[in-house]
Amino acid sequence: MRFVIAVLSIFLFFSSVFSGSQRAVGTTQSVIEDIVKQNVRASSNYTLLSSSAEKLVLSVEDYYFKDGQLSMTGKAQNAENSMFIMKGSLDELYGWVLLRDRKIAYEYTTDENKKVFVEQVPVSKVFCIDDFPGQYSDADPFYPDFIPDRAIPVPHIGDYPGTDLNKLQSLPGAKKVLYMDITDIMNGTEPKSQTKDDVWKTWQSFASGYSMYEVNVTTDKAVYQAAGTPNSGIAKYYNQTGRSYSPVNAFGTTSSSTVYRQNNGYGTGRTGLHETGHLMGVYDYGGTGGTYFVGIKEFKWNTIMGNYWYGDSWGAEALYQWSKGEYTSANVKTDFLAIANKNLPFRNDDIPTSVPLKFTGASQITADNNYGQITPNTDSDDFDFEIITATGHAKLTISRIEYMGGGMLDVDASILDASGKVIVTNNPKAIRSASLDTDLPKGKYFLRIKGGAEGTPQNGFSNYSSLGYYSIAGEITGGGTAITPKNILANRVRIIPVFAGTQVKIDIPDECKIDKIALFSIDGKRKFYSDTRVNFIDFSDLGSGIYTIIIGIDGMNVVRKIIKK
């Protein structure tokens, strides 16, 4: 339940001289039990820590406690320039109180024994105000030509299709939500200052930067409200310029990042990613350039948590990635992907085994039919094909296809023969796509795609954050889809939650003969049946639980499990 503008008086006591030491508050259970016991409402009081120094009375503006998940935000009474958050569960609580006028902050953390401690910390540890040395982009001349208008069913990929900007969703049905609150930059369905294309690009960047996670980046307030506070984070966009800022580690509360409008979607998108990086719990990455790392021009690479404005002169090959501070001058070694993973689950590998390249006509390989995603759970994606004449030729380009403000993939591609020997490989320096052009004798082959690395992790970048969507386009002469045994075909059947909780996609190789497709609940009741090929099964009317999908292929039964949460 949620109580807006309720009041919680929390008594916190600290020694008048800060010693830097932690002070015990209690256990996660005792803290939550006390909050529930006091039945948080207007003017309620609660003693959190009994000691002999200062008493802080906090006014709760938003309160959520449901299914063991706690979230509170608000201000200190009689301290207008203040904030606080408290969030978590019996497993872990986290929070802080910020008194900006007094330049004081107190942070609450939980140890491995579920004991809660409070410690005075620097203000910058809980609240980041970004002041970049320069913001250079007045126009958006670098809209990349590797995002054509194509039929790939990924909402945030492609040119602006004219849809309502207030209803954008990158992963409909996902449990976790990142809400782009664009209320202030919109006048109904029309942007106040920027173009519709700018707002679209801002959302594209935001969605691209988090596409390795099972999270719905949305501009739809109703979607955010339905997700619930513990499953959500907010970035509020304002129709004015200024220094953007964010509370730290505030995902799962109603405390939001503040993102001021830049001159175009490219700039505003990167700013939104940077600020929500703080919201996930990481800080500015410094090094060469000072507080904000300015990147490595030789490789056109920078961390999005550095000064990304230095990439404006790098054109469409600019690469902004999450980082764990591998570059030589890094002053922060925090593993962003792991920190954000505490709030957001990683996406599954969409191609766990090899799949056939899909030919259009005799030789064409089109991006519409050949694409995939590199995630933290992906080692590589393999696409197989066969040269069926005496000699053939492969000329392919593999490109990242997410908008460059948040498209984090650098492509490394190779062609291997049936024994696994590398025939040709390509990962050009400071170019995000890979191109393969080679003659091939008769035989079976694999096109292998993985996240690229360039230079060294110290002077360049590793494949740590080379993640995202790619497409394959080109031509293979003398070739065709490899003919594979039935059991190999069965392994290629994929069940993909395209719209989690609403629909699942059934991806079955075209050469398979379908006998049946059936869906059963855990108690054995049949919920769906078809004796012909279908591409989707609708789950919207089914309850939560484990379901079994049985697919009959050429006399074999392929069994897959799926969980609806």
Protein backbone atom coordinates (compact mmCIF):
# COMPACT_ATOMS: atom_id res chain seq x y z
CA MET A 1 0.00 0.00 0.00
CA ARG A 2 1.12 3.62 -0.45
CA PHE A 3 0.56 6.61 1.82
CA VAL A 4 1.45 9.97 0.30
CA ILE A 5 2.56 12.78 2.62
CA ALA A 6 2.43 10.60 5.67
CA VAL A 7 4.77 11.46 8.51
CA LEU A 8 7.27 9.13 10.09
CA SER A 9 9.35 10.45 12.97
CA ILE A 10 12.55 8.52 13.16
CA PHE A 11 14.95 9.24 15.98
CA LEU A 12 18.55 8.86 14.86
CA PHE A 13 21.38 9.55 17.26
CA PHE A 14 24.98 10.18 16.34
CA SER A 15 27.95 11.47 18.28
CA SER A 16 28.51 15.18 17.73
CA VAL A 17 32.00 14.53 16.37
CA PHE A 18 32.04 12.28 13.28
CA SER A 19 34.53 9.47 13.70
CA GLY A 20 33.80 7.59 10.47
CA SER A 21 32.74 4.46 12.34
CA GLN A 22 29.53 2.54 11.79
CA ARG A 23 26.83 2.43 14.43
CA ALA A 24 24.48 -0.53 14.85
CA VAL A 25 20.78 0.11 14.21
CA GLY A 26 19.40 -3.42 14.57
CA THR A 27 18.60 -6.25 12.19
CA THR A 28 16.62 -6.00 8.99
CA GLN A 29 13.80 -7.82 10.74
CA SER A 30 13.75 -5.57 13.79
CA VAL A 31 13.84 -2.40 11.67
CA ILE A 32 10.96 -3.55 9.46
CA GLU A 33 8.97 -4.87 12.43
CA ASP A 34 9.28 -1.51 14.17
CA ILE A 35 8.09 0.34 11.07
CA VAL A 36 5.10 -1.97 10.65
CA LYS A 37 4.39 -1.90 14.40
CA GLN A 38 4.21 1.89 14.41
CA ASN A 39 1.72 1.73 11.49
CA VAL A 40 3.35 4.59 9.58
CA ARG A 41 0.86 7.41 9.16
CA ALA A 42 0.72 11.16 9.57
CA SER A 43 2.44 12.32 12.75
CA SER A 44 3.58 8.85 13.79
CA ASN A 45 6.84 8.54 15.70
CA TYR A 46 9.41 5.77 15.60
CA THR A 47 12.70 5.41 17.45
CA LEU A 48 15.18 3.88 15.06
CA LEU A 49 18.35 4.31 17.09
CA SER A 50 18.40 5.18 20.76
CA SER A 51 21.50 7.18 21.72
CA SER A 52 22.26 10.59 23.17
CA ALA A 53 23.01 13.09 20.44
CA GLU A 54 20.87 14.41 17.58
CA LYS A 55 17.26 13.63 16.73
CA LEU A 56 16.20 13.71 13.08
CA VAL A 57 12.48 13.78 12.38
CA LEU A 58 11.63 12.65 8.87
CA SER A 59 8.45 13.43 6.92
CA VAL A 60 7.56 10.54 4.65
CA GLU A 61 6.15 11.65 1.31
CA ASP A 62 5.79 8.16 -0.12
CA TYR A 63 5.47 4.83 1.69
CA TYR A 64 5.19 1.34 0.24
CA PHE A 65 5.18 -1.96 2.06
CA LYS A 66 3.82 -5.04 0.33
CA ASP A 67 4.87 -8.68 0.13
CA GLY A 68 7.86 -7.95 2.35
CA GLN A 69 9.18 -5.15 0.12
CA LEU A 70 9.72 -1.76 1.78
CA SER A 71 10.18 1.64 0.14
CA MET A 72 10.07 5.07 1.81
CA THR A 73 11.06 8.52 0.59
CA GLY A 74 10.65 12.02 1.95
CA LYS A 75 12.39 14.91 3.72
CA ALA A 76 13.63 15.85 7.14
CA GLN A 77 11.22 18.08 9.05
CA ASN A 78 12.27 21.73 9.25
CA ALA A 79 14.96 21.11 6.61
CA GLU A 80 13.58 21.95 3.17
CA ASN A 81 16.81 21.15 1.33
CA SER A 82 16.86 17.54 2.46
CA MET A 83 15.96 14.05 1.28
CA PHE A 84 15.85 10.49 2.54
CA ILE A 85 15.23 7.02 1.18
CA MET A 86 14.85 3.62 2.82
CA LYS A 87 14.26 0.48 0.78
CA GLY A 88 14.67 -3.28 0.82
CA SER A 89 13.41 -6.40 2.53
CA LEU A 90 14.34 -8.88 5.25
CA ASP A 91 17.35 -9.85 3.14
CA GLU A 92 18.82 -6.36 2.89
CA LEU A 93 17.92 -2.78 3.78
CA TYR A 94 19.53 0.29 2.31
CA GLY A 95 18.90 3.99 2.88
CA TRP A 96 20.28 7.43 3.50
CA VAL A 97 19.37 10.81 4.97
CA LEU A 98 20.71 13.90 3.21
CA LEU A 99 20.82 17.33 4.90
CA ARG A 100 22.25 19.44 2.09
CA ASP A 101 22.20 22.78 3.91
CA ARG A 102 24.36 21.27 6.65
CA LYS A 103 26.43 19.23 4.16
CA ILE A 104 25.70 16.06 6.12
CA ALA A 105 24.63 12.63 4.93
CA TYR A 106 23.97 9.40 6.82
CA GLU A 107 23.97 6.06 5.03
CA TYR A 108 22.33 2.80 6.14
CA THR A 109 23.77 -0.51 4.97
CA THR A 110 23.27 -4.19 5.78
CA ASP A 111 26.05 -6.70 6.42
CA GLU A 112 26.14 -10.41 5.59
CA ASN A 113 24.46 -11.21 8.92
CA LYS A 114 21.50 -8.94 8.10
CA LYS A 115 22.58 -6.37 10.67
CA VAL A 116 21.84 -2.74 9.78
CA PHE A 117 24.44 -0.04 10.42
CA VAL A 118 24.43 3.74 10.00
CA GLU A 119 27.46 5.86 9.15
CA GLN A 120 28.06 9.50 8.31
CA VAL A 121 29.33 9.75 4.72
CA PRO A 122 30.23 12.51 2.25
CA VAL A 123 27.18 14.09 0.60
CA SER A 124 28.48 13.03 -2.82
CA LYS A 125 28.17 9.38 -1.77
CA VAL A 126 24.37 9.60 -1.78
CA PHE A 127 23.67 12.45 -4.21
CA CYS A 128 25.46 13.26 -7.49
CA ILE A 129 25.23 16.64 -9.24
CA ASP A 130 26.90 16.51 -12.65
CA ASP A 131 28.82 19.51 -13.93
CA PHE A 132 30.62 18.55 -17.13
CA PRO A 133 33.44 20.79 -18.38
CA GLY A 134 31.82 21.14 -21.80
CA GLN A 135 28.72 20.21 -23.75
CA TYR A 136 29.50 20.42 -27.43
CA SER A 137 26.58 19.05 -29.40
CA ASP A 138 24.25 21.68 -30.90
CA ALA A 139 22.92 19.39 -33.61
CA ASP A 140 22.55 15.68 -34.20
CA PRO A 141 24.56 15.11 -37.40
CA PHE A 142 25.56 11.58 -36.47
CA TYR A 143 22.31 9.68 -36.76
CA PRO A 144 23.85 6.33 -37.71
CA ASP A 145 23.03 4.72 -41.04
CA PHE A 146 23.20 1.25 -39.47
CA ILE A 147 19.62 1.59 -38.18
CA PRO A 148 17.49 1.24 -41.33
CA ASP A 149 13.73 1.07 -41.28
CA ARG A 150 13.31 -2.67 -40.99
CA ALA A 151 10.90 -5.25 -39.66
CA ILE A 152 12.93 -6.45 -36.67
CA PRO A 153 10.40 -6.91 -33.83
CA VAL A 154 12.34 -4.96 -31.22
CA PRO A 155 10.40 -1.79 -30.29
CA HIS A 156 13.32 0.59 -29.76
CA ILE A 157 15.13 -0.23 -33.02
CA GLY A 158 14.45 1.85 -36.13
CA ASP A 159 13.35 5.33 -37.14
CA TYR A 160 10.51 7.13 -35.36
CA PRO A 161 7.32 5.39 -36.56
CA GLY A 162 4.90 8.16 -35.56
CA THR A 163 3.55 6.44 -32.44
CA ASP A 164 2.42 8.27 -29.29
CA LEU A 165 5.58 9.33 -27.45
CA ASN A 166 3.75 8.98 -24.13
CA LYS A 167 3.16 5.25 -24.68
CA LEU A 168 6.62 3.90 -25.56
CA GLN A 169 7.67 0.52 -24.15
CA SER A 170 10.90 -1.33 -24.88
CA LEU A 171 9.90 -4.67 -23.28
CA PRO A 172 6.16 -4.85 -22.62
CA GLY A 173 5.23 -7.11 -19.72
CA ALA A 174 8.63 -7.09 -18.00
CA LYS A 175 8.43 -7.09 -14.20
CA LYS A 176 11.05 -4.34 -13.84
CA VAL A 177 10.42 -0.85 -15.18
CA LEU A 178 12.50 2.26 -15.82
CA TYR A 179 10.08 5.15 -16.22
CA MET A 180 11.03 8.10 -18.41
CA ASP A 181 8.76 10.79 -17.02
CA ILE A 182 8.55 13.18 -19.98
CA THR A 183 5.54 15.12 -18.69
CA ASP A 184 7.44 18.42 -18.46
CA ILE A 185 8.94 18.23 -21.95
CA MET A 186 5.60 17.46 -23.60
CA ASN A 187 2.51 19.51 -24.35
CA GLY A 188 0.07 16.65 -24.68
CA THR A 189 1.42 14.54 -27.53
CA GLU A 190 3.70 17.31 -28.86
CA PRO A 191 7.18 18.15 -27.49
CA LYS A 192 7.53 21.71 -26.19
CA SER A 193 11.02 22.40 -27.53
CA GLN A 194 12.56 19.36 -29.18
CA THR A 195 11.20 17.47 -32.17
CA LYS A 196 9.33 14.19 -31.88
CA ASP A 197 12.36 12.52 -33.44
CA ASP A 198 14.55 13.94 -30.65
CA VAL A 199 12.31 12.49 -27.95
CA TRP A 200 12.25 9.16 -29.80
CA LYS A 201 16.07 9.11 -29.95
CA THR A 202 16.28 9.93 -26.24
CA TRP A 203 14.07 6.92 -25.48
CA GLN A 204 16.03 4.78 -27.97
CA SER A 205 19.29 5.61 -26.20
CA PHE A 206 17.80 4.86 -22.79
CA ALA A 207 16.32 1.53 -23.95
CA SER A 208 19.53 0.55 -25.77
CA GLY A 209 21.70 1.20 -22.73
CA TYR A 210 19.60 -1.20 -20.64
CA SER A 211 18.66 -3.77 -23.31
CA MET A 212 20.92 -6.37 -21.68
CA TYR A 213 18.47 -6.40 -18.75
CA GLU A 214 14.90 -7.68 -18.40
CA VAL A 215 13.53 -4.17 -17.91
CA ASN A 216 10.83 -2.20 -19.71
CA VAL A 217 12.02 1.35 -20.46
CA THR A 218 8.74 3.21 -20.81
CA THR A 219 7.24 6.67 -21.06
CA ASP A 220 3.82 5.32 -20.03
CA LYS A 221 2.92 6.34 -16.46
CA ALA A 222 0.27 3.61 -16.19
CA VAL A 223 2.90 0.93 -16.92
CA TYR A 224 5.13 2.38 -14.20
CA GLN A 225 2.31 2.48 -11.67
CA ALA A 226 1.32 -1.11 -12.41
CA ALA A 227 4.86 -2.35 -11.80
CA GLY A 228 4.97 -1.15 -8.17
CA THR A 229 7.60 0.99 -6.45
CA PRO A 230 10.14 -1.75 -5.52
CA ASN A 231 10.32 -2.82 -9.17
CA SER A 232 10.77 0.65 -10.62
CA GLY A 233 13.14 3.52 -11.16
CA ILE A 234 12.33 7.02 -12.40
CA ALA A 235 14.12 9.59 -14.54
CA LYS A 236 12.27 12.92 -14.76
CA TYR A 237 13.00 14.97 -17.86
CA TYR A 238 12.66 18.76 -17.73
CA ASN A 239 12.19 21.24 -20.57
CA GLN A 240 15.08 23.44 -19.49
CA THR A 241 18.83 23.31 -19.39
CA GLY A 242 20.85 22.86 -16.22
CA ARG A 243 23.06 20.51 -14.26
CA SER A 244 21.39 17.11 -14.16
CA TYR A 245 21.56 15.17 -10.92
CA SER A 246 20.53 11.95 -9.27
CA PRO A 247 20.16 10.27 -5.89
CA VAL A 248 22.45 7.26 -5.58
CA ASN A 249 21.12 3.70 -5.35
CA ALA A 250 17.51 4.89 -5.35
CA PHE A 251 16.04 2.36 -7.78
CA GLY A 252 13.08 0.79 -6.01
CA THR A 253 11.93 4.10 -4.51
CA THR A 254 10.07 7.16 -5.84
CA SER A 255 13.22 9.28 -5.56
CA SER A 256 14.10 10.08 -9.17
CA SER A 257 16.95 11.19 -11.38
CA THR A 258 16.55 14.70 -12.80
CA VAL A 259 17.53 15.05 -16.45
CA TYR A 260 17.62 18.48 -18.07
CA ARG A 261 17.03 18.84 -21.78
CA GLN A 262 20.05 19.01 -24.04
CA ASN A 263 20.00 20.38 -27.57
CA ASN A 264 19.04 17.09 -29.22
CA GLY A 265 18.02 13.51 -28.58
CA TYR A 266 21.59 12.25 -28.83
CA GLY A 267 22.73 14.43 -25.94
CA THR A 268 19.62 14.02 -23.80
CA GLY A 269 19.72 10.23 -24.22
CA ARG A 270 23.30 9.94 -22.99
CA THR A 271 22.53 12.26 -20.07
CA GLY A 272 19.61 10.04 -19.06
CA LEU A 273 21.82 6.95 -19.09
CA HIS A 274 24.48 8.69 -17.01
CA GLU A 275 22.01 9.85 -14.36
CA THR A 276 20.24 6.50 -14.08
CA GLY A 277 23.68 4.94 -13.71
CA HIS A 278 23.80 6.86 -10.41
CA LEU A 279 20.26 5.69 -9.67
CA MET A 280 21.53 2.10 -9.95
CA GLY A 281 24.29 2.79 -7.44
CA VAL A 282 27.48 3.82 -9.27
CA TYR A 283 29.44 7.07 -9.32
CA ASP A 284 31.21 9.21 -11.90
CA TYR A 285 34.18 7.44 -13.48
CA GLY A 286 37.20 9.73 -13.51
CA GLY A 287 40.74 9.46 -14.76
CA THR A 288 42.31 11.30 -17.67
CA GLY A 289 40.41 14.58 -17.71
CA GLY A 290 39.82 14.71 -13.95
CA THR A 291 36.50 13.99 -12.26
CA TYR A 292 35.04 12.78 -15.55
CA PHE A 293 37.06 10.48 -17.82
CA VAL A 294 37.23 11.89 -21.36
CA GLY A 295 37.61 8.59 -23.18
CA ILE A 296 40.16 7.09 -25.56
CA LYS A 297 39.99 8.89 -28.89
CA GLU A 298 42.08 6.27 -30.70
CA PHE A 299 39.28 3.74 -30.21
CA LYS A 300 36.40 6.26 -30.08
CA TRP A 301 35.47 4.77 -26.72
CA ASN A 302 34.29 6.20 -23.42
CA THR A 303 32.34 5.08 -20.40
CA ILE A 304 28.86 6.57 -20.22
CA MET A 305 29.69 7.42 -16.60
CA GLY A 306 32.53 9.70 -17.76
CA ASN A 307 32.34 12.90 -19.82
CA TYR A 308 30.54 11.49 -22.86
CA TRP A 309 30.45 14.90 -24.55
CA TYR A 310 34.00 14.32 -25.76
CA GLY A 311 32.58 11.72 -28.15
CA ASP A 312 30.60 14.24 -30.19
CA SER A 313 33.42 14.58 -32.73
CA TRP A 314 33.73 10.81 -33.20
CA GLY A 315 30.75 10.46 -35.50
CA ALA A 316 28.57 7.38 -35.89
CA GLU A 317 31.30 5.02 -34.62
CA ALA A 318 31.30 6.56 -31.11
CA LEU A 319 30.97 3.88 -28.44
CA TYR A 320 29.70 4.61 -24.92
CA GLN A 321 29.71 1.62 -22.58
CA TRP A 322 29.16 0.68 -18.97
CA SER A 323 32.49 0.10 -17.27
CA LYS A 324 34.26 -1.55 -14.39
CA GLY A 325 37.24 0.81 -14.51
CA GLU A 326 39.67 -1.26 -16.57
CA TYR A 327 41.34 1.71 -18.33
CA THR A 328 44.73 2.79 -16.97
CA SER A 329 43.78 6.05 -15.24
CA ALA A 330 40.48 4.80 -13.74
CA ASN A 331 39.76 6.06 -10.22
CA VAL A 332 36.61 3.92 -9.90
CA LYS A 333 36.69 0.12 -10.23
CA THR A 334 32.99 -0.52 -9.58
CA ASP A 335 31.46 -3.25 -11.76
CA PHE A 336 28.40 -1.46 -13.16
CA LEU A 337 26.77 -4.53 -14.72
CA ALA A 338 26.93 -6.41 -11.41
CA ILE A 339 25.64 -3.43 -9.39
CA ALA A 340 22.67 -2.87 -11.71
CA ASN A 341 22.03 -6.63 -11.76
CA LYS A 342 21.04 -6.37 -8.08
CA ASN A 343 17.99 -4.45 -9.33
CA LEU A 344 17.52 -5.85 -12.84
CA PRO A 345 17.88 -9.46 -14.07
CA PHE A 346 20.01 -10.10 -17.16
CA ARG A 347 18.31 -11.26 -20.33
CA ASN A 348 18.74 -14.87 -21.37
CA ASP A 349 20.81 -15.92 -24.35
CA ASP A 350 18.46 -15.71 -27.34
CA ILE A 351 20.56 -18.14 -29.43
CA PRO A 352 21.85 -20.80 -26.99
CA THR A 353 22.73 -23.17 -29.84
CA SER A 354 23.43 -22.55 -33.52
CA VAL A 355 20.61 -21.47 -35.83
CA PRO A 356 20.59 -21.49 -39.63
CA LEU A 357 21.21 -18.35 -41.63
CA LYS A 358 17.99 -17.53 -43.45
CA PHE A 359 18.34 -16.98 -47.19
CA THR A 360 16.09 -14.70 -49.21
CA GLY A 361 16.05 -16.03 -52.74
CA ALA A 362 19.12 -17.93 -53.90
CA SER A 363 21.81 -15.89 -52.17
CA GLN A 364 20.65 -12.84 -50.23
CA ILE A 365 21.07 -12.57 -46.44
CA THR A 366 18.79 -9.80 -45.15
CA ALA A 367 18.80 -8.00 -41.82
CA ASP A 368 15.04 -8.48 -41.50
CA ASN A 369 15.52 -12.23 -41.11
CA ASN A 370 18.96 -12.52 -39.52
CA TYR A 371 19.62 -10.77 -36.23
CA GLY A 372 20.30 -11.45 -32.56
CA GLN A 373 21.43 -10.02 -29.26
CA ILE A 374 24.64 -10.34 -27.27
CA THR A 375 23.89 -10.37 -23.52
CA PRO A 376 25.98 -11.04 -20.40
CA ASN A 377 24.74 -14.65 -20.70
CA THR A 378 26.01 -14.97 -24.30
CA ASP A 379 29.44 -16.37 -25.18
CA SER A 380 28.76 -16.10 -28.91
CA ASP A 381 25.97 -16.55 -31.45
CA ASP A 382 26.44 -19.13 -34.23
CA PHE A 383 24.58 -19.15 -37.56
CA ASP A 384 25.23 -22.16 -39.82
CA PHE A 385 25.11 -22.37 -43.59
CA GLU A 386 26.40 -24.64 -46.33
CA ILE A 387 28.20 -24.13 -49.61
CA ILE A 388 26.54 -26.67 -51.88
CA THR A 389 28.44 -25.93 -55.11
CA ALA A 390 32.12 -26.61 -55.73
CA THR A 391 33.05 -23.10 -54.63
CA GLY A 392 31.11 -20.22 -53.16
CA HIS A 393 31.61 -16.76 -51.74
CA ALA A 394 30.44 -15.04 -48.56
CA LYS A 395 30.26 -11.26 -48.29
CA LEU A 396 28.56 -10.25 -45.04
CA THR A 397 28.30 -7.20 -42.80
CA ILE A 398 27.32 -7.56 -39.15
CA SER A 399 26.25 -4.27 -37.57
CA ARG A 400 25.04 -3.05 -34.21
CA ILE A 401 21.51 -1.80 -34.73
CA GLU A 402 20.70 0.15 -31.56
CA TYR A 403 20.83 3.92 -31.52
CA MET A 404 24.37 5.13 -30.91
CA GLY A 405 23.59 7.12 -27.77
CA GLY A 406 23.07 3.82 -25.94
CA GLY A 407 24.12 1.16 -28.45
CA MET A 408 26.97 -0.52 -26.59
CA LEU A 409 27.87 -3.35 -28.98
CA ASP A 410 31.17 -3.60 -30.79
CA VAL A 411 30.94 -6.53 -33.22
CA ASP A 412 33.56 -9.28 -33.58
CA ALA A 413 32.67 -11.76 -36.36
CA SER A 414 34.25 -14.88 -37.85
CA ILE A 415 33.46 -17.70 -40.27
CA LEU A 416 34.49 -21.19 -39.09
CA ASP A 417 34.43 -24.51 -40.93
CA ALA A 418 32.71 -27.64 -39.61
CA SER A 419 35.81 -28.60 -37.59
CA GLY A 420 35.87 -25.22 -35.81
CA LYS A 421 38.83 -23.81 -37.78
CA VAL A 422 38.61 -20.03 -38.28
CA ILE A 423 38.51 -19.19 -41.99
CA VAL A 424 38.23 -15.41 -41.67
CA THR A 425 37.69 -12.97 -38.83
CA ASN A 426 37.11 -9.23 -38.52
CA ASN A 427 36.86 -6.65 -35.72
CA PRO A 428 38.21 -3.39 -37.18
CA LYS A 429 39.64 -0.72 -34.92
CA ALA A 430 37.23 2.07 -33.94
CA ILE A 431 34.50 0.64 -36.20
CA ARG A 432 31.50 -0.99 -34.55
CA SER A 433 30.51 -3.31 -37.41
CA ALA A 434 32.43 -6.27 -38.83
CA SER A 435 32.77 -7.23 -42.51
CA LEU A 436 33.63 -10.66 -43.91
CA ASP A 437 34.53 -11.23 -47.58
CA THR A 438 35.94 -14.63 -48.53
CA ASP A 439 35.83 -17.53 -51.00
CA LEU A 440 34.62 -20.82 -49.52
CA PRO A 441 34.89 -24.37 -50.89
CA LYS A 442 32.01 -26.81 -50.65
CA GLY A 443 31.17 -27.69 -47.04
CA LYS A 444 29.40 -26.63 -43.85
CA TYR A 445 30.24 -23.40 -42.03
CA PHE A 446 29.36 -21.28 -39.01
CA LEU A 447 29.13 -17.51 -38.81
CA ARG A 448 30.16 -16.70 -35.22
CA ILE A 449 29.28 -13.32 -33.65
CA LYS A 450 30.45 -12.07 -30.28
CA GLY A 451 31.02 -8.85 -28.39
CA GLY A 452 34.22 -7.20 -29.52
CA ALA A 453 37.26 -5.84 -27.70
CA GLU A 454 39.87 -3.48 -29.08
CA GLY A 455 43.38 -2.61 -27.96
CA THR A 456 43.82 -3.70 -24.37
CA PRO A 457 41.49 -3.22 -21.39
CA GLN A 458 44.00 -0.66 -20.11
CA ASN A 459 44.29 1.26 -23.39
CA GLY A 460 41.19 0.40 -25.38
CA PHE A 461 38.32 -1.71 -24.05
CA SER A 462 37.48 -5.32 -23.26
CA ASN A 463 34.30 -7.11 -24.32
CA TYR A 464 32.85 -6.47 -20.83
CA SER A 465 30.07 -4.16 -22.08
CA SER A 466 30.03 -5.06 -25.78
CA LEU A 467 26.37 -5.98 -25.52
CA GLY A 468 23.28 -5.38 -27.62
CA TYR A 469 21.45 -6.14 -30.85
CA TYR A 470 23.04 -6.78 -34.24
CA SER A 471 21.87 -7.68 -37.76
CA ILE A 472 23.46 -9.66 -40.60
CA ALA A 473 23.22 -8.57 -44.22
CA GLY A 474 24.98 -9.49 -47.44
CA GLU A 475 25.23 -12.33 -49.92
CA ILE A 476 26.40 -15.94 -49.98
CA THR A 477 26.74 -17.38 -53.50
CA GLY A 478 26.73 -21.11 -54.05
CA GLY A 479 25.18 -21.62 -50.64
CA GLY A 480 22.09 -22.66 -48.77
CA THR A 481 20.84 -23.55 -45.32
CA ALA A 482 22.70 -26.56 -43.99
CA ILE A 483 20.69 -29.80 -43.80
CA THR A 484 20.93 -31.03 -40.24
CA PRO A 485 19.77 -34.17 -38.38
CA LYS A 486 16.41 -34.10 -36.63
CA ASN A 487 17.90 -34.02 -33.14
CA ILE A 488 19.97 -30.95 -34.08
CA LEU A 489 16.86 -29.32 -35.49
CA ALA A 490 15.04 -30.03 -32.25
CA ASN A 491 17.77 -28.27 -30.28
CA ARG A 492 17.14 -25.15 -32.32
CA VAL A 493 13.56 -24.76 -31.18
CA ARG A 494 13.40 -21.60 -29.07
CA ILE A 495 10.70 -20.33 -26.74
CA ILE A 496 11.14 -16.58 -26.41
CA PRO A 497 9.09 -14.35 -24.04
CA VAL A 498 8.79 -11.49 -26.52
CA PHE A 499 6.01 -9.92 -24.45
CA ALA A 500 6.71 -11.37 -21.00
CA GLY A 501 3.57 -12.48 -19.25
CA THR A 502 1.43 -11.87 -22.36
CA GLN A 503 2.87 -13.82 -25.28
CA VAL A 504 5.72 -16.18 -26.07
CA LYS A 505 7.30 -16.55 -29.48
CA ILE A 506 7.90 -20.06 -30.82
CA ASP A 507 10.90 -20.09 -33.13
CA ILE A 508 11.05 -23.35 -35.12
CA PRO A 509 13.43 -23.93 -38.05
CA ASP A 510 11.63 -23.52 -41.37
CA GLU A 511 12.67 -27.00 -42.56
CA CYS A 512 10.87 -28.71 -39.68
CA LYS A 513 7.55 -30.47 -40.30
CA ILE A 514 5.17 -29.60 -37.45
CA ASP A 515 2.93 -32.37 -36.09
CA LYS A 516 1.51 -30.47 -33.12
CA ILE A 517 2.06 -27.64 -30.66
CA ALA A 518 0.46 -28.09 -27.22
CA LEU A 519 0.59 -26.17 -23.95
CA PHE A 520 -0.09 -27.81 -20.57
CA SER A 521 -0.34 -26.39 -17.04
CA ILE A 522 1.59 -28.02 -14.19
CA ASP A 523 -1.48 -30.10 -13.27
CA GLY A 524 -1.58 -31.62 -16.77
CA LYS A 525 -4.51 -29.61 -18.17
CA ARG A 526 -4.20 -28.68 -21.84
CA LYS A 527 -4.42 -24.91 -22.36
CA PHE A 528 -3.56 -24.66 -26.06
CA TYR A 529 -3.34 -26.97 -29.08
CA SER A 530 -2.54 -26.59 -32.77
CA ASP A 531 -1.66 -29.17 -35.43
CA THR A 532 -0.05 -26.51 -37.63
CA ARG A 533 2.81 -24.06 -37.21
CA VAL A 534 2.10 -21.02 -35.01
CA ASN A 535 4.49 -18.23 -34.18
CA PHE A 536 3.02 -17.10 -30.85
CA ILE A 537 1.05 -18.48 -27.90
CA ASP A 538 -1.07 -16.02 -25.92
CA PHE A 539 -0.49 -16.30 -22.14
CA SER A 540 -2.52 -13.26 -21.13
CA ASP A 541 -5.46 -15.28 -19.71
CA LEU A 542 -3.29 -17.80 -17.87
CA GLY A 543 -2.27 -17.53 -14.22
CA SER A 544 1.24 -17.53 -12.78
CA GLY A 545 3.02 -20.87 -12.74
CA ILE A 546 5.10 -23.40 -14.68
CA TYR A 547 3.84 -24.52 -18.10
CA THR A 548 5.01 -27.23 -20.48
CA ILE A 549 5.12 -26.72 -24.24
CA ILE A 550 5.29 -29.89 -26.35
CA ILE A 551 6.18 -29.48 -30.03
CA GLY A 552 5.94 -32.45 -32.36
CA ILE A 553 8.60 -32.23 -35.09
CA ASP A 554 8.93 -34.97 -37.72
CA GLY A 555 7.70 -37.61 -35.28
CA MET A 556 9.80 -36.34 -32.35
CA ASN A 557 8.51 -34.49 -29.28
CA VAL A 558 10.44 -31.39 -28.22
CA VAL A 559 9.60 -30.37 -24.65
CA ARG A 560 10.19 -26.90 -23.25
CA LYS A 561 9.30 -25.35 -19.88
CA ILE A 562 8.28 -21.74 -19.34
CA ILE A 563 7.47 -19.82 -16.17
CA LYS A 564 4.85 -17.09 -16.07
CA LYS A 565 5.50 -14.80 -13.13
